[in-house]
C-alpha atoms as a PDB file:
ATOM      1  CA  MET A   1       0.000   0.000   0.000  1.00  0.00           C
ATOM      2  CA  SER A   2       1.273   3.455  -0.879  1.00  0.00           C
ATOM      3  CA  ASP A   3       1.726   6.094   1.783  1.00  0.00           C
ATOM      4  CA  PHE A   4       0.459   8.899  -0.467  1.00  0.00           C
ATOM      5  CA  ASN A   5      -1.666   9.454  -3.550  1.00  0.00           C
ATOM      6  CA  PHE A   6      -0.388  12.270  -5.739  1.00  0.00           C
ATOM      7  CA  SER A   7      -2.375  13.832  -8.575  1.00  0.00           C
ATOM      8  CA  ASP A   8      -1.311  16.634 -10.882  1.00  0.00           C
ATOM      9  CA  HIS A   9      -4.068  18.996 -12.015  1.00  0.00           C
ATOM     10  CA  GLY A  10      -1.953  21.566 -13.832  1.00  0.00           C
ATOM     11  CA  THR A  11      -1.236  24.506 -11.562  1.00  0.00           C
ATOM     12  CA  ILE A  12      -2.369  22.613  -8.468  1.00  0.00           C
ATOM     13  CA  CYS A  13      -1.295  19.171  -7.298  1.00  0.00           C
ATOM     14  CA  LEU A  14      -3.099  17.181  -4.623  1.00  0.00           C
ATOM     15  CA  LEU A  15      -1.176  15.101  -2.099  1.00  0.00           C
ATOM     16  CA  SER A  16      -3.299  12.681  -0.073  1.00  0.00           C
ATOM     17  CA  PRO A  17      -1.691  11.045   2.959  1.00  0.00           C
ATOM     18  CA  LEU A  18      -2.923   7.456   3.263  1.00  0.00           C
ATOM     19  CA  SER A  19      -0.873   6.013   6.114  1.00  0.00           C
ATOM     20  CA  ARG A  20       0.073   7.021   9.629  1.00  0.00           C
ATOM     21  CA  ALA A  21       3.670   7.510   8.431  1.00  0.00           C
ATOM     22  CA  ALA A  22       2.412   9.828   5.683  1.00  0.00           C
ATOM     23  CA  ARG A  23       0.405  11.924   8.136  1.00  0.00           C
ATOM     24  CA  ARG A  24       3.500  12.210  10.368  1.00  0.00           C
ATOM     25  CA  TRP A  25       5.577  13.248   7.352  1.00  0.00           C
ATOM     26  CA  VAL A  26       3.059  15.959   6.445  1.00  0.00           C
ATOM     27  CA  HIS A  27       3.026  17.232  10.042  1.00  0.00           C
ATOM     28  CA  ARG A  28       6.840  17.416  10.135  1.00  0.00           C
ATOM     29  CA  HIS A  29       7.527  18.820   6.666  1.00  0.00           C
ATOM     30  CA  LEU A  30       4.605  20.926   5.463  1.00  0.00           C
ATOM     31  CA  PRO A  31       3.334  24.170   6.987  1.00  0.00           C
ATOM     32  CA  ASN A  32       0.469  23.995   9.479  1.00  0.00           C
ATOM     33  CA  ASP A  33      -1.513  26.420   7.339  1.00  0.00           C
ATOM     34  CA  ALA A  34      -1.229  24.320   4.149  1.00  0.00           C
ATOM     35  CA  GLN A  35      -4.395  24.410   2.060  1.00  0.00           C
ATOM     36  CA  VAL A  36      -6.506  21.270   2.372  1.00  0.00           C
ATOM     37  CA  TYR A  37      -8.981  20.206  -0.297  1.00  0.00           C
ATOM     38  CA  GLY A  38     -11.124  17.138   0.320  1.00  0.00           C
ATOM     39  CA  GLY A  39      -8.595  15.621   2.709  1.00  0.00           C
ATOM     40  CA  ALA A  40      -5.670  16.241   0.335  1.00  0.00           C
ATOM     41  CA  ILE A  41      -3.031  18.926   0.629  1.00  0.00           C
ATOM     42  CA  ALA A  42      -3.162  21.368  -2.283  1.00  0.00           C
ATOM     43  CA  ILE A  43       0.348  22.126  -3.530  1.00  0.00           C
ATOM     44  CA  SER A  44       1.468  24.675  -6.089  1.00  0.00           C
ATOM     45  CA  HIS A  45       2.930  22.918  -9.114  1.00  0.00           C
ATOM     46  CA  ARG A  46       6.256  24.723  -8.620  1.00  0.00           C
ATOM     47  CA  TYR A  47       6.823  23.012  -5.236  1.00  0.00           C
ATOM     48  CA  ALA A  48       5.579  19.541  -6.160  1.00  0.00           C
ATOM     49  CA  ASP A  49       8.888  18.055  -7.362  1.00  0.00           C
ATOM     50  CA  GLU A  50      10.725  19.093  -4.213  1.00  0.00           C
ATOM     51  CA  ILE A  51       7.998  17.707  -1.941  1.00  0.00           C
ATOM     52  CA  VAL A  52       7.732  14.421  -3.852  1.00  0.00           C
ATOM     53  CA  SER A  53      11.527  14.029  -3.780  1.00  0.00           C
ATOM     54  CA  GLY A  54      11.522  14.612  -0.027  1.00  0.00           C
ATOM     55  CA  ILE A  55       8.858  11.965   0.493  1.00  0.00           C
ATOM     56  CA  ILE A  56      10.732   9.408  -1.614  1.00  0.00           C
ATOM     57  CA  ASN A  57      14.086  10.247   0.005  1.00  0.00           C
ATOM     58  CA  ASP A  58      12.483   9.578   3.388  1.00  0.00           C
ATOM     59  CA  GLY A  59      11.516   6.072   2.240  1.00  0.00           C
ATOM     60  CA  LEU A  60       7.783   6.578   1.753  1.00  0.00           C
ATOM     61  CA  GLU A  61       5.851   5.431  -1.316  1.00  0.00           C
ATOM     62  CA  ILE A  62       3.740   7.586  -3.612  1.00  0.00           C
ATOM     63  CA  ASN A  63       1.048   6.378  -5.971  1.00  0.00           C
ATOM     64  CA  ASN A  64       0.833   8.743  -8.949  1.00  0.00           C
ATOM     65  CA  VAL A  65      -2.850   9.182  -9.807  1.00  0.00           C
ATOM     66  CA  HIS A  66      -3.584  10.762 -13.168  1.00  0.00           C
ATOM     67  CA  GLY A  67      -5.215  14.153 -12.793  1.00  0.00           C
ATOM     68  CA  ASN A  68      -7.944  15.680 -14.920  1.00  0.00           C
END
């Protein structure tokens, strides 16, 4: 099972934490005031690569879901 679902919707990407480890990662690495949309964290496209790299470098798994 993946720790996160990631979907790219153009200017906005959605990062959905699925596991306890993923929720801990979000708490430790993303700002407390991050925008949440339907349980996912909304991320500007320009920051997505850095965040995804950080998740992978920390040993967590991401499922890339095709966006609209």
